[in-house]
Amino acid sequence: MILTQNQERIRFLKFAMVGAVGAVIDFGVMNMMTHLFNMKLVFAGTISFTCAVISNFILNRYWTYPDSRSKHILHQLGMFIIVSAAGIAFRIPILHYVEPPMAVFIGKVTRLPNETSQFLAKNATLAFAIGVVMIWNFFINRYWTYNDID
């Protein structure tokens, strides 16, 4: 397994930290879009995802994988975007199908006002989607986008 090597564990932790920064961007943009512009979660989540992908690429290229520079930056960005776009194939159905039952569940369990339950459901659904996509992104990026390092 890739994470049995110390260097790969460090890379995974860095990748996860970069992902945490991306998640802050993702959550911030999503909440801004859904609250200020009353945008549906799938659309707001797609915009926020794009913002997070750009941030994550820059941080991963220069911090997580600084020794992966044999590929031109635009070529590597293209590869990173392809992997991230494939991640959307996991993310969009999660956002679409998990949010409604999550909202019902949170509403019943917490008995909070509907607006608060909806807010919590959107964020819980996005957190779940981010976790699933992060695992995909790490392994595919490590073996494809950043395959030029030992």
C-alpha atoms as a PDB file:
ATOM      1  CA  MET A   1       0.000   0.000   0.000  1.00  0.00           C
ATOM      2  CA  ILE A   2       1.214   3.463  -0.860  1.00  0.00           C
ATOM      3  CA  LEU A   3       0.754   4.887   2.659  1.00  0.00           C
ATOM      4  CA  THR A   4       3.090   2.343   4.275  1.00  0.00           C
ATOM      5  CA  GLN A   5       6.076   4.482   3.275  1.00  0.00           C
ATOM      6  CA  ASN A   6       6.858   7.429   5.568  1.00  0.00           C
ATOM      7  CA  GLN A   7       7.346   9.855   2.677  1.00  0.00           C
ATOM      8  CA  GLU A   8       3.924   8.940   1.255  1.00  0.00           C
ATOM      9  CA  ARG A   9       2.248   9.400   4.649  1.00  0.00           C
ATOM     10  CA  ILE A  10       3.772  12.883   4.839  1.00  0.00           C
ATOM     11  CA  ARG A  11       2.531  13.632   1.319  1.00  0.00           C
ATOM     12  CA  PHE A  12      -0.934  12.381   2.243  1.00  0.00           C
ATOM     13  CA  LEU A  13      -0.983  14.600   5.351  1.00  0.00           C
ATOM     14  CA  LYS A  14       0.125  17.597   3.277  1.00  0.00           C
ATOM     15  CA  PHE A  15      -2.488  16.722   0.651  1.00  0.00           C
ATOM     16  CA  ALA A  16      -5.100  16.542   3.426  1.00  0.00           C
ATOM     17  CA  MET A  17      -4.004  19.929   4.820  1.00  0.00           C
ATOM     18  CA  VAL A  18      -4.223  21.449   1.348  1.00  0.00           C
ATOM     19  CA  GLY A  19      -7.625  19.797   1.084  1.00  0.00           C
ATOM     20  CA  ALA A  20      -8.640  21.440   4.373  1.00  0.00           C
ATOM     21  CA  VAL A  21      -7.762  24.841   2.920  1.00  0.00           C
ATOM     22  CA  GLY A  22      -9.720  23.908  -0.177  1.00  0.00           C
ATOM     23  CA  ALA A  23     -12.629  22.812   2.032  1.00  0.00           C
ATOM     24  CA  VAL A  24     -12.683  26.212   3.757  1.00  0.00           C
ATOM     25  CA  ILE A  25     -12.818  27.839   0.325  1.00  0.00           C
ATOM     26  CA  ASP A  26     -15.430  25.304  -0.810  1.00  0.00           C
ATOM     27  CA  PHE A  27     -17.680  25.829   2.233  1.00  0.00           C
ATOM     28  CA  GLY A  28     -17.237  29.608   2.184  1.00  0.00           C
ATOM     29  CA  VAL A  29     -18.113  30.012  -1.481  1.00  0.00           C
ATOM     30  CA  MET A  30     -20.977  27.483  -1.274  1.00  0.00           C
ATOM     31  CA  ASN A  31     -22.523  29.219   1.733  1.00  0.00           C
ATOM     32  CA  MET A  32     -22.116  32.628   0.128  1.00  0.00           C
ATOM     33  CA  MET A  33     -23.772  31.423  -3.089  1.00  0.00           C
ATOM     34  CA  THR A  34     -26.662  29.641  -1.361  1.00  0.00           C
ATOM     35  CA  HIS A  35     -27.340  32.417   1.168  1.00  0.00           C
ATOM     36  CA  LEU A  36     -26.635  35.613  -0.738  1.00  0.00           C
ATOM     37  CA  PHE A  37     -27.825  34.468  -4.159  1.00  0.00           C
ATOM     38  CA  ASN A  38     -30.303  31.743  -3.118  1.00  0.00           C
ATOM     39  CA  MET A  39     -28.529  29.370  -5.504  1.00  0.00           C
ATOM     40  CA  LYS A  40     -29.325  25.630  -5.496  1.00  0.00           C
ATOM     41  CA  LEU A  41     -26.704  23.486  -3.763  1.00  0.00           C
ATOM     42  CA  VAL A  42     -25.662  21.606  -6.912  1.00  0.00           C
ATOM     43  CA  PHE A  43     -24.850  24.861  -8.738  1.00  0.00           C
ATOM     44  CA  ALA A  44     -23.294  26.607  -5.752  1.00  0.00           C
ATOM     45  CA  GLY A  45     -21.324  23.444  -4.977  1.00  0.00           C
ATOM     46  CA  THR A  46     -19.968  23.306  -8.517  1.00  0.00           C
ATOM     47  CA  ILE A  47     -18.737  26.909  -8.366  1.00  0.00           C
ATOM     48  CA  SER A  48     -17.233  26.423  -4.916  1.00  0.00           C
ATOM     49  CA  PHE A  49     -15.591  23.193  -6.086  1.00  0.00           C
ATOM     50  CA  THR A  50     -13.932  25.023  -8.985  1.00  0.00           C
ATOM     51  CA  CYS A  51     -12.519  27.679  -6.659  1.00  0.00           C
ATOM     52  CA  ALA A  52     -11.189  24.987  -4.327  1.00  0.00           C
ATOM     53  CA  VAL A  53      -9.616  23.016  -7.202  1.00  0.00           C
ATOM     54  CA  ILE A  54      -7.596  26.019  -8.362  1.00  0.00           C
ATOM     55  CA  SER A  55      -6.364  26.677  -4.828  1.00  0.00           C
ATOM     56  CA  ASN A  56      -5.572  22.998  -4.258  1.00  0.00           C
ATOM     57  CA  PHE A  57      -3.598  22.680  -7.477  1.00  0.00           C
ATOM     58  CA  ILE A  58      -1.382  25.646  -6.644  1.00  0.00           C
ATOM     59  CA  LEU A  59      -0.749  24.480  -3.065  1.00  0.00           C
ATOM     60  CA  ASN A  60      -0.158  20.847  -4.052  1.00  0.00           C
ATOM     61  CA  ARG A  61       2.213  21.737  -6.885  1.00  0.00           C
ATOM     62  CA  TYR A  62       4.358  24.001  -4.741  1.00  0.00           C
ATOM     63  CA  TRP A  63       4.092  22.379  -1.294  1.00  0.00           C
ATOM     64  CA  THR A  64       2.890  18.756  -1.357  1.00  0.00           C
ATOM     65  CA  TYR A  65       4.747  17.750  -4.546  1.00  0.00           C
ATOM     66  CA  PRO A  66       7.493  20.368  -5.015  1.00  0.00           C
ATOM     67  CA  ASP A  67       9.708  17.736  -6.653  1.00  0.00           C
ATOM     68  CA  SER A  68       7.112  17.106  -9.371  1.00  0.00           C
ATOM     69  CA  ARG A  69       8.097  19.703 -11.896  1.00  0.00           C
ATOM     70  CA  SER A  70       9.110  17.649 -14.920  1.00  0.00           C
ATOM     71  CA  LYS A  71       5.725  18.429 -16.501  1.00  0.00           C
ATOM     72  CA  HIS A  72       4.829  21.902 -17.730  1.00  0.00           C
ATOM     73  CA  ILE A  73       2.531  23.668 -15.255  1.00  0.00           C
ATOM     74  CA  LEU A  74      -0.343  23.937 -17.749  1.00  0.00           C
ATOM     75  CA  HIS A  75      -0.058  20.250 -18.639  1.00  0.00           C
ATOM     76  CA  GLN A  76      -0.068  19.302 -14.970  1.00  0.00           C
ATOM     77  CA  LEU A  77      -2.961  21.691 -14.268  1.00  0.00           C
ATOM     78  CA  GLY A  78      -4.907  20.029 -17.073  1.00  0.00           C
ATOM     79  CA  MET A  79      -4.294  16.621 -15.530  1.00  0.00           C
ATOM     80  CA  PHE A  80      -5.310  17.908 -12.088  1.00  0.00           C
ATOM     81  CA  ILE A  81      -8.507  19.408 -13.531  1.00  0.00           C
ATOM     82  CA  ILE A  82      -9.370  16.134 -15.283  1.00  0.00           C
ATOM     83  CA  VAL A  83      -9.002  14.232 -12.003  1.00  0.00           C
ATOM     84  CA  SER A  84     -11.023  16.887 -10.196  1.00  0.00           C
ATOM     85  CA  ALA A  85     -13.703  16.885 -12.898  1.00  0.00           C
ATOM     86  CA  ALA A  86     -13.973  13.129 -12.527  1.00  0.00           C
ATOM     87  CA  GLY A  87     -14.414  13.797  -8.808  1.00  0.00           C
ATOM     88  CA  ILE A  88     -17.479  15.867  -9.714  1.00  0.00           C
ATOM     89  CA  ALA A  89     -18.999  12.622 -10.998  1.00  0.00           C
ATOM     90  CA  PHE A  90     -18.978  11.467  -7.361  1.00  0.00           C
ATOM     91  CA  ARG A  91     -19.781  14.834  -5.849  1.00  0.00           C
ATOM     92  CA  ILE A  92     -22.887  15.945  -7.775  1.00  0.00           C
ATOM     93  CA  PRO A  93     -24.963  12.825  -7.096  1.00  0.00           C
ATOM     94  CA  ILE A  94     -23.967  12.997  -3.428  1.00  0.00           C
ATOM     95  CA  LEU A  95     -25.035  16.656  -3.234  1.00  0.00           C
ATOM     96  CA  HIS A  96     -28.257  15.945  -5.092  1.00  0.00           C
ATOM     97  CA  TYR A  97     -29.375  12.711  -3.423  1.00  0.00           C
ATOM     98  CA  VAL A  98     -27.947  12.941   0.094  1.00  0.00           C
ATOM     99  CA  GLU A  99     -29.071  16.474   0.996  1.00  0.00           C
ATOM    100  CA  PRO A 100     -32.872  15.866   1.085  1.00  0.00           C
ATOM    101  CA  PRO A 101     -32.784  12.865   3.461  1.00  0.00           C
ATOM    102  CA  MET A 102     -30.025  14.581   5.447  1.00  0.00           C
ATOM    103  CA  ALA A 103     -32.289  17.628   5.911  1.00  0.00           C
ATOM    104  CA  VAL A 104     -35.183  15.420   7.050  1.00  0.00           C
ATOM    105  CA  PHE A 105     -32.904  13.506   9.420  1.00  0.00           C
ATOM    106  CA  ILE A 106     -31.355  16.645  10.921  1.00  0.00           C
ATOM    107  CA  GLY A 107     -34.791  18.271  11.245  1.00  0.00           C
ATOM    108  CA  LYS A 108     -36.221  15.280  13.109  1.00  0.00           C
ATOM    109  CA  VAL A 109     -33.223  14.698  15.347  1.00  0.00           C
ATOM    110  CA  THR A 110     -32.529  18.319  16.293  1.00  0.00           C
ATOM    111  CA  ARG A 111     -36.038  19.810  16.020  1.00  0.00           C
ATOM    112  CA  LEU A 112     -34.379  23.025  14.850  1.00  0.00           C
ATOM    113  CA  PRO A 113     -36.195  25.493  12.620  1.00  0.00           C
ATOM    114  CA  ASN A 114     -36.361  24.424   8.958  1.00  0.00           C
ATOM    115  CA  GLU A 115     -33.905  27.109   7.815  1.00  0.00           C
ATOM    116  CA  THR A 116     -31.305  25.945  10.343  1.00  0.00           C
ATOM    117  CA  SER A 117     -31.860  22.277   9.449  1.00  0.00           C
ATOM    118  CA  GLN A 118     -31.411  23.099   5.767  1.00  0.00           C
ATOM    119  CA  PHE A 119     -28.188  24.983   6.514  1.00  0.00           C
ATOM    120  CA  LEU A 120     -26.799  22.078   8.545  1.00  0.00           C
ATOM    121  CA  ALA A 121     -27.897  19.533   5.938  1.00  0.00           C
ATOM    122  CA  LYS A 122     -26.189  21.422   3.104  1.00  0.00           C
ATOM    123  CA  ASN A 123     -22.950  21.619   5.071  1.00  0.00           C
ATOM    124  CA  ALA A 124     -23.065  17.999   6.269  1.00  0.00           C
ATOM    125  CA  THR A 125     -23.742  16.812   2.729  1.00  0.00           C
ATOM    126  CA  LEU A 126     -20.883  18.893   1.353  1.00  0.00           C
ATOM    127  CA  ALA A 127     -18.536  17.563   4.074  1.00  0.00           C
ATOM    128  CA  PHE A 128     -19.414  13.992   3.149  1.00  0.00           C
ATOM    129  CA  ALA A 129     -18.888  14.700  -0.564  1.00  0.00           C
ATOM    130  CA  ILE A 130     -15.527  16.353   0.127  1.00  0.00           C
ATOM    131  CA  GLY A 131     -14.343  13.284   2.063  1.00  0.00           C
ATOM    132  CA  VAL A 132     -15.271  10.877  -0.722  1.00  0.00           C
ATOM    133  CA  VAL A 133     -13.699  13.030  -3.423  1.00  0.00           C
ATOM    134  CA  MET A 134     -10.522  13.654  -1.389  1.00  0.00           C
ATOM    135  CA  ILE A 135      -9.731   9.937  -1.259  1.00  0.00           C
ATOM    136  CA  TRP A 136     -10.275   9.651  -5.030  1.00  0.00           C
ATOM    137  CA  ASN A 137      -8.182  12.763  -5.733  1.00  0.00           C
ATOM    138  CA  PHE A 138      -5.219  11.725  -3.620  1.00  0.00           C
ATOM    139  CA  PHE A 139      -4.691   8.326  -5.188  1.00  0.00           C
ATOM    140  CA  ILE A 140      -5.396   9.291  -8.792  1.00  0.00           C
ATOM    141  CA  ASN A 141      -3.308  12.452  -8.591  1.00  0.00           C
ATOM    142  CA  ARG A 142      -0.441  10.621  -6.904  1.00  0.00           C
ATOM    143  CA  TYR A 143      -0.294   7.890  -9.546  1.00  0.00           C
ATOM    144  CA  TRP A 144      -1.100  10.036 -12.599  1.00  0.00           C
ATOM    145  CA  THR A 145      -0.661  13.801 -12.150  1.00  0.00           C
ATOM    146  CA  TYR A 146       2.358  13.537  -9.857  1.00  0.00           C
ATOM    147  CA  ASN A 147       3.767  10.232 -11.089  1.00  0.00           C
ATOM    148  CA  ASP A 148       7.151  11.752 -11.935  1.00  0.00           C
ATOM    149  CA  ILE A 149       8.437  11.496  -8.352  1.00  0.00           C
ATOM    150  CA  ASP A 150       9.695   8.567  -6.302  1.00  0.00           C
END
